[in-house]
Amino acid sequence: MLRRGDSGPQVRELQQRLQQLHLYRGQADGAFDRSLEDSLRMYQWARGLRDNLGVYDEPTRRQLESETTQP
């Protein structure tokens, strides 16, 4: 599970996957900031994943990976 304030390669992958869907326009720098959180919330809301808005949890990861390619 990832949330604002986290950092590292898993966050970078999340950024890159959201970039593939044109939902994240920031740098893929591995920092989970407010901009990434907002992009993730938009993604989750649009897909009905509303239990943990703004948190990259397992259901969100599975859905996002099914729609994107490995960066």
N, C-alpha and C. Protein backbone atom coordinates (compact mmCIF):
# COMPACT_ATOMS: atom_id res chain seq x y z
N MET A 1 0.84 -1.17 0.00
CA MET A 1 0.00 0.00 0.00
C MET A 1 0.89 1.24 0.00
N LEU A 2 0.58 2.17 -0.90
CA LEU A 2 1.36 3.41 -1.00
C LEU A 2 0.43 4.60 -0.78
N ARG A 3 0.99 5.65 -0.16
CA ARG A 3 0.21 6.87 0.07
C ARG A 3 1.13 8.07 0.05
N ARG A 4 0.51 9.26 0.11
CA ARG A 4 1.29 10.49 0.06
C ARG A 4 2.38 10.46 1.13
N GLY A 5 3.58 10.87 0.73
CA GLY A 5 4.74 10.86 1.61
C GLY A 5 5.67 9.70 1.33
N ASP A 6 5.17 8.64 0.69
CA ASP A 6 6.02 7.50 0.33
C ASP A 6 6.89 7.86 -0.87
N SER A 7 7.95 7.09 -1.05
CA SER A 7 8.83 7.30 -2.20
C SER A 7 9.51 6.00 -2.57
N GLY A 8 10.07 5.99 -3.78
CA GLY A 8 10.81 4.82 -4.22
C GLY A 8 10.36 4.31 -5.57
N PRO A 9 10.92 3.17 -5.99
CA PRO A 9 10.64 2.63 -7.32
C PRO A 9 9.18 2.23 -7.53
N GLN A 10 8.49 1.80 -6.49
CA GLN A 10 7.08 1.43 -6.65
C GLN A 10 6.23 2.67 -6.94
N VAL A 11 6.58 3.78 -6.32
CA VAL A 11 5.87 5.04 -6.59
C VAL A 11 6.16 5.48 -8.02
N ARG A 12 7.40 5.35 -8.44
CA ARG A 12 7.77 5.71 -9.82
C ARG A 12 6.95 4.88 -10.82
N GLU A 13 6.80 3.60 -10.56
CA GLU A 13 6.01 2.76 -11.45
C GLU A 13 4.55 3.23 -11.48
N LEU A 14 4.00 3.58 -10.34
CA LEU A 14 2.63 4.11 -10.28
C LEU A 14 2.53 5.37 -11.13
N GLN A 15 3.48 6.27 -11.00
CA GLN A 15 3.48 7.49 -11.79
C GLN A 15 3.52 7.18 -13.28
N GLN A 16 4.36 6.25 -13.66
CA GLN A 16 4.50 5.90 -15.08
C GLN A 16 3.23 5.25 -15.62
N ARG A 17 2.60 4.42 -14.83
CA ARG A 17 1.36 3.78 -15.28
C ARG A 17 0.25 4.82 -15.44
N LEU A 18 0.15 5.75 -14.52
CA LEU A 18 -0.86 6.79 -14.65
C LEU A 18 -0.53 7.73 -15.81
N GLN A 19 0.74 7.91 -16.11
CA GLN A 19 1.13 8.69 -17.29
C GLN A 19 0.65 8.01 -18.57
N GLN A 20 0.70 6.69 -18.61
CA GLN A 20 0.24 5.96 -19.79
C GLN A 20 -1.23 6.25 -20.08
N LEU A 21 -2.00 6.52 -19.03
CA LEU A 21 -3.43 6.80 -19.17
C LEU A 21 -3.70 8.30 -19.25
N HIS A 22 -2.64 9.10 -19.30
CA HIS A 22 -2.73 10.56 -19.38
C HIS A 22 -3.44 11.16 -18.16
N LEU A 23 -3.25 10.53 -17.02
CA LEU A 23 -3.84 11.03 -15.78
C LEU A 23 -2.83 11.71 -14.88
N TYR A 24 -1.56 11.49 -15.13
CA TYR A 24 -0.51 12.11 -14.32
C TYR A 24 0.46 12.79 -15.26
N ARG A 25 0.65 14.08 -15.06
CA ARG A 25 1.51 14.85 -15.95
C ARG A 25 2.82 15.30 -15.30
N GLY A 26 3.02 14.93 -14.06
CA GLY A 26 4.25 15.31 -13.36
C GLY A 26 5.42 14.42 -13.76
N GLN A 27 6.56 14.69 -13.14
CA GLN A 27 7.77 13.88 -13.36
C GLN A 27 7.61 12.54 -12.65
N ALA A 28 8.10 11.49 -13.27
CA ALA A 28 8.14 10.18 -12.62
C ALA A 28 9.40 10.13 -11.77
N ASP A 29 9.34 10.80 -10.62
CA ASP A 29 10.51 10.96 -9.75
C ASP A 29 10.48 10.06 -8.52
N GLY A 30 9.43 9.26 -8.38
CA GLY A 30 9.35 8.34 -7.25
C GLY A 30 8.88 8.96 -5.97
N ALA A 31 8.34 10.19 -6.01
CA ALA A 31 7.84 10.87 -4.81
C ALA A 31 6.31 10.94 -4.87
N PHE A 32 5.66 10.39 -3.87
CA PHE A 32 4.20 10.38 -3.82
C PHE A 32 3.76 11.70 -3.19
N ASP A 33 3.44 12.66 -4.05
CA ASP A 33 3.05 13.99 -3.57
C ASP A 33 1.56 14.23 -3.83
N ARG A 34 1.11 15.44 -3.56
CA ARG A 34 -0.30 15.78 -3.71
C ARG A 34 -0.78 15.62 -5.15
N SER A 35 0.05 15.96 -6.10
CA SER A 35 -0.32 15.84 -7.50
C SER A 35 -0.59 14.38 -7.88
N LEU A 36 0.26 13.49 -7.42
CA LEU A 36 0.05 12.06 -7.69
C LEU A 36 -1.20 11.56 -6.98
N GLU A 37 -1.38 11.99 -5.75
CA GLU A 37 -2.58 11.59 -5.00
C GLU A 37 -3.85 12.02 -5.73
N ASP A 38 -3.87 13.25 -6.25
CA ASP A 38 -5.03 13.73 -6.99
C ASP A 38 -5.27 12.91 -8.25
N SER A 39 -4.21 12.58 -8.97
CA SER A 39 -4.33 11.76 -10.17
C SER A 39 -4.86 10.37 -9.83
N LEU A 40 -4.35 9.80 -8.77
CA LEU A 40 -4.79 8.48 -8.33
C LEU A 40 -6.26 8.51 -7.93
N ARG A 41 -6.68 9.56 -7.23
CA ARG A 41 -8.08 9.70 -6.84
C ARG A 41 -9.00 9.74 -8.07
N MET A 42 -8.60 10.50 -9.08
CA MET A 42 -9.40 10.57 -10.31
C MET A 42 -9.54 9.19 -10.94
N TYR A 43 -8.41 8.47 -11.01
CA TYR A 43 -8.43 7.12 -11.57
C TYR A 43 -9.38 6.23 -10.78
N GLN A 44 -9.22 6.23 -9.46
CA GLN A 44 -10.04 5.36 -8.61
C GLN A 44 -11.53 5.72 -8.73
N TRP A 45 -11.84 7.00 -8.68
CA TRP A 45 -13.23 7.43 -8.74
C TRP A 45 -13.88 6.97 -10.04
N ALA A 46 -13.16 7.13 -11.15
CA ALA A 46 -13.70 6.77 -12.46
C ALA A 46 -13.94 5.27 -12.59
N ARG A 47 -13.24 4.46 -11.81
CA ARG A 47 -13.37 3.01 -11.90
C ARG A 47 -14.17 2.42 -10.75
N GLY A 48 -14.74 3.26 -9.92
CA GLY A 48 -15.56 2.76 -8.81
C GLY A 48 -14.77 2.17 -7.67
N LEU A 49 -13.49 2.50 -7.60
CA LEU A 49 -12.62 2.00 -6.52
C LEU A 49 -12.58 3.07 -5.42
N ARG A 50 -13.63 3.14 -4.63
CA ARG A 50 -13.81 4.28 -3.73
C ARG A 50 -13.56 3.98 -2.26
N ASP A 51 -13.07 2.79 -1.94
CA ASP A 51 -12.84 2.44 -0.54
C ASP A 51 -11.65 3.18 0.07
N ASN A 52 -10.59 3.38 -0.70
CA ASN A 52 -9.37 4.01 -0.19
C ASN A 52 -8.89 5.08 -1.17
N LEU A 53 -9.72 6.07 -1.43
CA LEU A 53 -9.35 7.09 -2.41
C LEU A 53 -8.04 7.75 -2.04
N GLY A 54 -7.14 7.83 -3.02
CA GLY A 54 -5.84 8.46 -2.82
C GLY A 54 -4.77 7.54 -2.27
N VAL A 55 -5.14 6.30 -1.98
CA VAL A 55 -4.19 5.30 -1.48
C VAL A 55 -4.06 4.20 -2.53
N TYR A 56 -2.84 3.86 -2.87
CA TYR A 56 -2.59 2.83 -3.87
C TYR A 56 -2.63 1.47 -3.18
N ASP A 57 -3.83 0.89 -3.15
CA ASP A 57 -4.04 -0.39 -2.47
C ASP A 57 -4.05 -1.53 -3.50
N GLU A 58 -4.24 -2.74 -3.04
CA GLU A 58 -4.20 -3.92 -3.90
C GLU A 58 -5.26 -3.91 -4.99
N PRO A 59 -6.53 -3.61 -4.69
CA PRO A 59 -7.53 -3.58 -5.78
C PRO A 59 -7.19 -2.54 -6.86
N THR A 60 -6.67 -1.40 -6.44
CA THR A 60 -6.29 -0.37 -7.40
C THR A 60 -5.11 -0.83 -8.24
N ARG A 61 -4.14 -1.46 -7.60
CA ARG A 61 -2.97 -1.96 -8.33
C ARG A 61 -3.38 -2.97 -9.39
N ARG A 62 -4.22 -3.92 -9.01
CA ARG A 62 -4.67 -4.95 -9.97
C ARG A 62 -5.38 -4.31 -11.16
N GLN A 63 -6.27 -3.36 -10.90
CA GLN A 63 -7.00 -2.70 -11.97
C GLN A 63 -6.06 -1.91 -12.88
N LEU A 64 -5.16 -1.13 -12.27
CA LEU A 64 -4.25 -0.32 -13.05
C LEU A 64 -3.31 -1.17 -13.90
N GLU A 65 -2.81 -2.25 -13.34
CA GLU A 65 -1.92 -3.14 -14.09
C GLU A 65 -2.65 -3.80 -15.26
N SER A 66 -3.96 -4.02 -15.13
CA SER A 66 -4.72 -4.63 -16.22
C SER A 66 -4.93 -3.67 -17.38
N GLU A 67 -4.78 -2.38 -17.13
CA GLU A 67 -5.01 -1.35 -18.16
C GLU A 67 -3.74 -0.76 -18.74
N THR A 68 -2.60 -1.10 -18.17
CA THR A 68 -1.34 -0.50 -18.60
C THR A 68 -0.29 -1.57 -18.84
N THR A 69 0.84 -1.14 -19.40
CA THR A 69 1.96 -2.06 -19.61
C THR A 69 3.05 -1.77 -18.58
N GLN A 70 3.88 -2.75 -18.34
CA GLN A 70 5.00 -2.59 -17.42
C GLN A 70 5.91 -1.49 -17.93
N PRO A 71 6.16 -0.46 -17.12
CA PRO A 71 7.04 0.64 -17.58
C PRO A 71 8.47 0.19 -17.72
